[in-house]
Amino acid sequence: MFPIIALWSHPRSMSTAMERIMRERGDMQCFHEPFMYDYYVNHNNRMMPHFDINEDHPVTYQDVRDMLLEQAAKSPVFLKDMSYYVFPHILSDKEF
């Protein structure tokens, strides 16, 4: 299993700049806010402006988590996400 590096942030924290740095390295698979699908699509929270839903993307916390773990079996993973997207799921997911 390769490492999973997660940057949990808040809006307007310049976290996307850090994500761009990690993408430019070229040695890991990078994911931009993968848990937003659980937050916005699965839980029917308000929609984010300009958010186009990719129908191939998993929409539950567990399915997004599994997708990240599957990728980490093949290569290192970096994800940048908002901490409130995974709350409260992450609190009971000690393994992840």
C-alpha atoms as a PDB file:
ATOM      1  CA  MET A   1       0.000   0.000   0.000  1.00  0.00           C
ATOM      2  CA  PHE A   2       1.342   3.397  -1.000  1.00  0.00           C
ATOM      3  CA  PRO A   3       0.874   6.416   1.257  1.00  0.00           C
ATOM      4  CA  ILE A   4      -2.212   8.609   1.212  1.00  0.00           C
ATOM      5  CA  ILE A   5      -1.435  12.227   1.999  1.00  0.00           C
ATOM      6  CA  ALA A   6      -4.515  14.261   2.888  1.00  0.00           C
ATOM      7  CA  LEU A   7      -4.666  18.028   3.201  1.00  0.00           C
ATOM      8  CA  TRP A   8      -7.794  18.843   5.222  1.00  0.00           C
ATOM      9  CA  SER A   9      -8.500  22.540   4.911  1.00  0.00           C
ATOM     10  CA  HIS A  10     -11.129  25.250   5.048  1.00  0.00           C
ATOM     11  CA  PRO A  11     -12.318  27.521   2.224  1.00  0.00           C
ATOM     12  CA  ARG A  12      -9.981  30.288   1.077  1.00  0.00           C
ATOM     13  CA  SER A  13      -6.970  28.762   2.822  1.00  0.00           C
ATOM     14  CA  MET A  14      -4.730  28.640  -0.286  1.00  0.00           C
ATOM     15  CA  SER A  15      -4.972  24.839  -0.166  1.00  0.00           C
ATOM     16  CA  THR A  16      -5.467  24.645  -3.931  1.00  0.00           C
ATOM     17  CA  ALA A  17      -2.007  26.183  -4.344  1.00  0.00           C
ATOM     18  CA  MET A  18      -0.583  23.294  -2.317  1.00  0.00           C
ATOM     19  CA  GLU A  19      -2.550  20.855  -4.446  1.00  0.00           C
ATOM     20  CA  ARG A  20      -1.031  22.390  -7.590  1.00  0.00           C
ATOM     21  CA  ILE A  21       2.454  21.871  -6.149  1.00  0.00           C
ATOM     22  CA  MET A  22       1.691  18.204  -5.454  1.00  0.00           C
ATOM     23  CA  ARG A  23       0.277  17.728  -8.977  1.00  0.00           C
ATOM     24  CA  GLU A  24       3.391  19.264 -10.540  1.00  0.00           C
ATOM     25  CA  ARG A  25       5.601  16.711  -8.780  1.00  0.00           C
ATOM     26  CA  GLY A  26       4.177  14.073 -11.116  1.00  0.00           C
ATOM     27  CA  ASP A  27       4.784  11.144  -8.784  1.00  0.00           C
ATOM     28  CA  MET A  28       1.324  10.640  -7.288  1.00  0.00           C
ATOM     29  CA  GLN A  29      -2.342  10.511  -8.156  1.00  0.00           C
ATOM     30  CA  CYS A  30      -4.029  13.726  -6.977  1.00  0.00           C
ATOM     31  CA  PHE A  31      -7.679  14.227  -6.100  1.00  0.00           C
ATOM     32  CA  HIS A  32      -9.397  17.598  -5.785  1.00  0.00           C
ATOM     33  CA  GLU A  33     -12.080  17.518  -3.078  1.00  0.00           C
ATOM     34  CA  PRO A  34     -13.282  13.952  -3.718  1.00  0.00           C
ATOM     35  CA  PHE A  35     -15.556  13.968  -0.645  1.00  0.00           C
ATOM     36  CA  MET A  36     -17.548  16.932  -1.957  1.00  0.00           C
ATOM     37  CA  TYR A  37     -19.736  14.372  -3.736  1.00  0.00           C
ATOM     38  CA  ASP A  38     -20.878  12.900  -0.433  1.00  0.00           C
ATOM     39  CA  TYR A  39     -21.487  16.367   0.994  1.00  0.00           C
ATOM     40  CA  TYR A  40     -23.304  17.953  -1.950  1.00  0.00           C
ATOM     41  CA  VAL A  41     -24.773  15.052  -3.919  1.00  0.00           C
ATOM     42  CA  ASN A  42     -25.427  12.274  -1.418  1.00  0.00           C
ATOM     43  CA  HIS A  43     -26.686  14.481   1.422  1.00  0.00           C
ATOM     44  CA  ASN A  44     -28.472  16.986  -0.813  1.00  0.00           C
ATOM     45  CA  ASN A  45     -26.785  19.975   0.777  1.00  0.00           C
ATOM     46  CA  ARG A  46     -26.986  23.197  -1.182  1.00  0.00           C
ATOM     47  CA  MET A  47     -25.254  22.984  -4.540  1.00  0.00           C
ATOM     48  CA  MET A  48     -21.915  24.652  -5.089  1.00  0.00           C
ATOM     49  CA  PRO A  49     -21.902  27.099  -8.009  1.00  0.00           C
ATOM     50  CA  HIS A  50     -20.218  25.700 -11.133  1.00  0.00           C
ATOM     51  CA  PHE A  51     -20.090  22.156  -9.680  1.00  0.00           C
ATOM     52  CA  ASP A  52     -20.562  19.729 -12.566  1.00  0.00           C
ATOM     53  CA  ILE A  53     -21.366  16.230 -11.344  1.00  0.00           C
ATOM     54  CA  ASN A  54     -19.244  13.480 -12.852  1.00  0.00           C
ATOM     55  CA  GLU A  55     -21.556  10.460 -12.938  1.00  0.00           C
ATOM     56  CA  ASP A  56     -18.570   8.076 -12.676  1.00  0.00           C
ATOM     57  CA  HIS A  57     -17.482   9.541  -9.327  1.00  0.00           C
ATOM     58  CA  PRO A  58     -18.579   7.755  -6.130  1.00  0.00           C
ATOM     59  CA  VAL A  59     -21.081   9.723  -4.029  1.00  0.00           C
ATOM     60  CA  THR A  60     -20.953   8.207  -0.541  1.00  0.00           C
ATOM     61  CA  TYR A  61     -18.228   8.652   2.075  1.00  0.00           C
ATOM     62  CA  GLN A  62     -17.501   4.910   2.060  1.00  0.00           C
ATOM     63  CA  ASP A  63     -17.325   4.677  -1.739  1.00  0.00           C
ATOM     64  CA  VAL A  64     -15.019   7.704  -2.023  1.00  0.00           C
ATOM     65  CA  ARG A  65     -12.823   6.258   0.726  1.00  0.00           C
ATOM     66  CA  ASP A  66     -12.703   2.903  -1.098  1.00  0.00           C
ATOM     67  CA  MET A  67     -11.771   4.632  -4.368  1.00  0.00           C
ATOM     68  CA  LEU A  68      -8.847   6.373  -2.641  1.00  0.00           C
ATOM     69  CA  LEU A  69      -7.677   3.120  -1.035  1.00  0.00           C
ATOM     70  CA  GLU A  70      -7.892   1.301  -4.394  1.00  0.00           C
ATOM     71  CA  GLN A  71      -5.733   3.983  -5.990  1.00  0.00           C
ATOM     72  CA  ALA A  72      -3.246   3.804  -3.087  1.00  0.00           C
ATOM     73  CA  ALA A  73      -2.763   0.125  -3.892  1.00  0.00           C
ATOM     74  CA  LYS A  74      -1.228   1.279  -7.210  1.00  0.00           C
ATOM     75  CA  SER A  75       0.507   4.581  -6.460  1.00  0.00           C
ATOM     76  CA  PRO A  76       0.908   7.293  -3.831  1.00  0.00           C
ATOM     77  CA  VAL A  77      -2.194   9.463  -3.380  1.00  0.00           C
ATOM     78  CA  PHE A  78      -2.637  13.117  -2.477  1.00  0.00           C
ATOM     79  CA  LEU A  79      -6.037  14.594  -1.771  1.00  0.00           C
ATOM     80  CA  LYS A  80      -7.056  18.095  -0.876  1.00  0.00           C
ATOM     81  CA  ASP A  81     -10.458  18.437   0.699  1.00  0.00           C
ATOM     82  CA  MET A  82     -12.577  20.528   3.022  1.00  0.00           C
ATOM     83  CA  SER A  83     -12.636  19.150   6.535  1.00  0.00           C
ATOM     84  CA  TYR A  84     -16.378  19.740   6.896  1.00  0.00           C
ATOM     85  CA  TYR A  85     -17.087  17.463   3.907  1.00  0.00           C
ATOM     86  CA  VAL A  86     -16.033  14.406   5.916  1.00  0.00           C
ATOM     87  CA  PHE A  87     -17.497  15.378   9.266  1.00  0.00           C
ATOM     88  CA  PRO A  88     -18.764  13.376  11.183  1.00  0.00           C
ATOM     89  CA  HIS A  89     -17.785  10.246   9.158  1.00  0.00           C
ATOM     90  CA  ILE A  90     -14.040  10.669   9.656  1.00  0.00           C
ATOM     91  CA  LEU A  91     -14.402  10.687  13.448  1.00  0.00           C
ATOM     92  CA  SER A  92     -15.521   7.068  13.511  1.00  0.00           C
ATOM     93  CA  ASP A  93     -13.146   5.956  10.726  1.00  0.00           C
ATOM     94  CA  LYS A  94      -9.977   5.472  12.802  1.00  0.00           C
ATOM     95  CA  GLU A  95      -8.345   3.238  10.186  1.00  0.00           C
ATOM     96  CA  PHE A  96      -8.531   5.860   7.441  1.00  0.00           C
END
